[in-house]
Amino acid sequence: MYTLLDSERVRRWIVVYLAVISGEDSETIDLDSRLSHFDIDSVDAVAMALQFETTFNRSIGAEFFLVSELTIRELAGQIVANAAGRDV
């Protein structure tokens, strides 16, 4: 069974995850920051995808986390939209 995804929960998860890998305080991370700011490489993206799957009980491709021009807000929206498409 899938865990319900909502944009706010996904955004918060992304922010906390990025805070951990970047050493930044999660309270200072702007939702409109581009992923390029966090310098995510393929190893980070795979680890992030695996952790996402563990947290939300949903598979996700690591490529979602490698689109460096997306903002955190946009990324969360794409993840939720993608999940909604699979649930139909």
C-alpha atoms as a PDB file:
ATOM      1  CA  MET A   1       0.000   0.000   0.000  1.00  0.00           C
ATOM      2  CA  TYR A   2       1.233   3.473  -0.904  1.00  0.00           C
ATOM      3  CA  THR A   3       1.631   6.349   1.498  1.00  0.00           C
ATOM      4  CA  LEU A   4      -0.422   9.375   0.468  1.00  0.00           C
ATOM      5  CA  LEU A   5       1.823  12.078  -0.939  1.00  0.00           C
ATOM      6  CA  ASP A   6       1.084  15.728  -0.509  1.00  0.00           C
ATOM      7  CA  SER A   7       3.271  18.594  -1.644  1.00  0.00           C
ATOM      8  CA  GLU A   8       3.839  20.002   1.833  1.00  0.00           C
ATOM      9  CA  ARG A   9       5.054  16.695   3.261  1.00  0.00           C
ATOM     10  CA  VAL A  10       7.312  16.059   0.262  1.00  0.00           C
ATOM     11  CA  ARG A  11       8.707  19.625   0.390  1.00  0.00           C
ATOM     12  CA  ARG A  12       9.485  19.270   4.086  1.00  0.00           C
ATOM     13  CA  TRP A  13      11.196  15.927   3.517  1.00  0.00           C
ATOM     14  CA  ILE A  14      13.327  17.384   0.701  1.00  0.00           C
ATOM     15  CA  VAL A  15      14.327  20.376   2.846  1.00  0.00           C
ATOM     16  CA  VAL A  16      15.329  18.203   5.794  1.00  0.00           C
ATOM     17  CA  TYR A  17      17.251  15.812   3.557  1.00  0.00           C
ATOM     18  CA  LEU A  18      19.091  18.650   1.832  1.00  0.00           C
ATOM     19  CA  ALA A  19      19.875  20.229   5.202  1.00  0.00           C
ATOM     20  CA  VAL A  20      21.489  17.004   6.357  1.00  0.00           C
ATOM     21  CA  ILE A  21      23.677  16.558   3.276  1.00  0.00           C
ATOM     22  CA  SER A  22      24.595  20.242   2.963  1.00  0.00           C
ATOM     23  CA  GLY A  23      25.065  21.082   6.633  1.00  0.00           C
ATOM     24  CA  GLU A  24      22.653  24.002   6.318  1.00  0.00           C
ATOM     25  CA  ASP A  25      19.928  24.671   8.871  1.00  0.00           C
ATOM     26  CA  SER A  26      16.613  23.412   7.453  1.00  0.00           C
ATOM     27  CA  GLU A  27      14.912  26.572   8.698  1.00  0.00           C
ATOM     28  CA  THR A  28      17.105  28.698   6.423  1.00  0.00           C
ATOM     29  CA  ILE A  29      16.582  26.689   3.247  1.00  0.00           C
ATOM     30  CA  ASP A  30      14.344  28.558   0.805  1.00  0.00           C
ATOM     31  CA  LEU A  31      11.770  26.479  -1.080  1.00  0.00           C
ATOM     32  CA  ASP A  32      12.649  28.494  -4.174  1.00  0.00           C
ATOM     33  CA  SER A  33      16.312  27.463  -4.008  1.00  0.00           C
ATOM     34  CA  ARG A  34      17.421  25.559  -7.075  1.00  0.00           C
ATOM     35  CA  LEU A  35      18.764  22.066  -6.594  1.00  0.00           C
ATOM     36  CA  SER A  36      22.009  23.243  -8.198  1.00  0.00           C
ATOM     37  CA  HIS A  37      22.661  25.175  -4.972  1.00  0.00           C
ATOM     38  CA  PHE A  38      23.108  21.849  -3.161  1.00  0.00           C
ATOM     39  CA  ASP A  39      25.522  20.322  -5.689  1.00  0.00           C
ATOM     40  CA  ILE A  40      23.746  16.955  -5.786  1.00  0.00           C
ATOM     41  CA  ASP A  41      25.690  14.326  -7.698  1.00  0.00           C
ATOM     42  CA  SER A  42      24.546  10.908  -8.921  1.00  0.00           C
ATOM     43  CA  VAL A  43      25.577   9.175  -5.686  1.00  0.00           C
ATOM     44  CA  ASP A  44      23.576  11.714  -3.647  1.00  0.00           C
ATOM     45  CA  ALA A  45      20.604  11.293  -5.999  1.00  0.00           C
ATOM     46  CA  VAL A  46      20.577   7.504  -5.645  1.00  0.00           C
ATOM     47  CA  ALA A  47      20.845   7.750  -1.851  1.00  0.00           C
ATOM     48  CA  MET A  48      18.071  10.350  -1.828  1.00  0.00           C
ATOM     49  CA  ALA A  49      15.815   8.163  -3.986  1.00  0.00           C
ATOM     50  CA  LEU A  50      16.376   5.165  -1.718  1.00  0.00           C
ATOM     51  CA  GLN A  51      15.603   7.207   1.384  1.00  0.00           C
ATOM     52  CA  PHE A  52      12.503   8.641  -0.304  1.00  0.00           C
ATOM     53  CA  GLU A  53      11.323   5.092  -1.058  1.00  0.00           C
ATOM     54  CA  THR A  54      11.874   4.091   2.568  1.00  0.00           C
ATOM     55  CA  THR A  55      10.078   7.156   3.928  1.00  0.00           C
ATOM     56  CA  PHE A  56       7.109   7.210   1.554  1.00  0.00           C
ATOM     57  CA  ASN A  57       6.903   3.544   0.519  1.00  0.00           C
ATOM     58  CA  ARG A  58       7.065   4.641  -3.128  1.00  0.00           C
ATOM     59  CA  SER A  59       9.671   3.999  -5.738  1.00  0.00           C
ATOM     60  CA  ILE A  60      11.197   7.017  -7.438  1.00  0.00           C
ATOM     61  CA  GLY A  61      13.934   7.416  -9.989  1.00  0.00           C
ATOM     62  CA  ALA A  62      17.139   9.089  -8.879  1.00  0.00           C
ATOM     63  CA  GLU A  63      16.878  11.316 -11.962  1.00  0.00           C
ATOM     64  CA  PHE A  64      14.218  13.401 -10.188  1.00  0.00           C
ATOM     65  CA  PHE A  65      16.923  14.729  -7.875  1.00  0.00           C
ATOM     66  CA  LEU A  66      19.388  15.516 -10.672  1.00  0.00           C
ATOM     67  CA  VAL A  67      17.350  18.198 -12.453  1.00  0.00           C
ATOM     68  CA  SER A  68      19.464  21.022 -11.089  1.00  0.00           C
ATOM     69  CA  GLU A  69      17.392  23.881 -12.523  1.00  0.00           C
ATOM     70  CA  LEU A  70      14.305  22.869 -10.511  1.00  0.00           C
ATOM     71  CA  THR A  71      13.513  24.546  -7.231  1.00  0.00           C
ATOM     72  CA  ILE A  72      12.619  22.520  -4.159  1.00  0.00           C
ATOM     73  CA  ARG A  73       9.003  23.636  -4.583  1.00  0.00           C
ATOM     74  CA  GLU A  74       8.964  22.561  -8.254  1.00  0.00           C
ATOM     75  CA  LEU A  75      10.615  19.241  -7.484  1.00  0.00           C
ATOM     76  CA  ALA A  76       8.026  18.425  -4.821  1.00  0.00           C
ATOM     77  CA  GLY A  77       5.235  19.305  -7.247  1.00  0.00           C
ATOM     78  CA  GLN A  78       6.675  17.057  -9.941  1.00  0.00           C
ATOM     79  CA  ILE A  79       7.071  14.161  -7.518  1.00  0.00           C
ATOM     80  CA  VAL A  80       3.473  14.477  -6.310  1.00  0.00           C
ATOM     81  CA  ALA A  81       2.148  14.844  -9.875  1.00  0.00           C
ATOM     82  CA  ASN A  82       4.126  11.797 -10.989  1.00  0.00           C
ATOM     83  CA  ALA A  83       2.798   9.763  -8.057  1.00  0.00           C
ATOM     84  CA  ALA A  84      -0.776  10.857  -8.812  1.00  0.00           C
ATOM     85  CA  GLY A  85      -0.380   9.686 -12.386  1.00  0.00           C
ATOM     86  CA  ARG A  86       0.688   6.250 -11.194  1.00  0.00           C
ATOM     87  CA  ASP A  87      -2.233   5.969  -8.768  1.00  0.00           C
ATOM     88  CA  VAL A  88      -4.852   6.424 -11.511  1.00  0.00           C
END
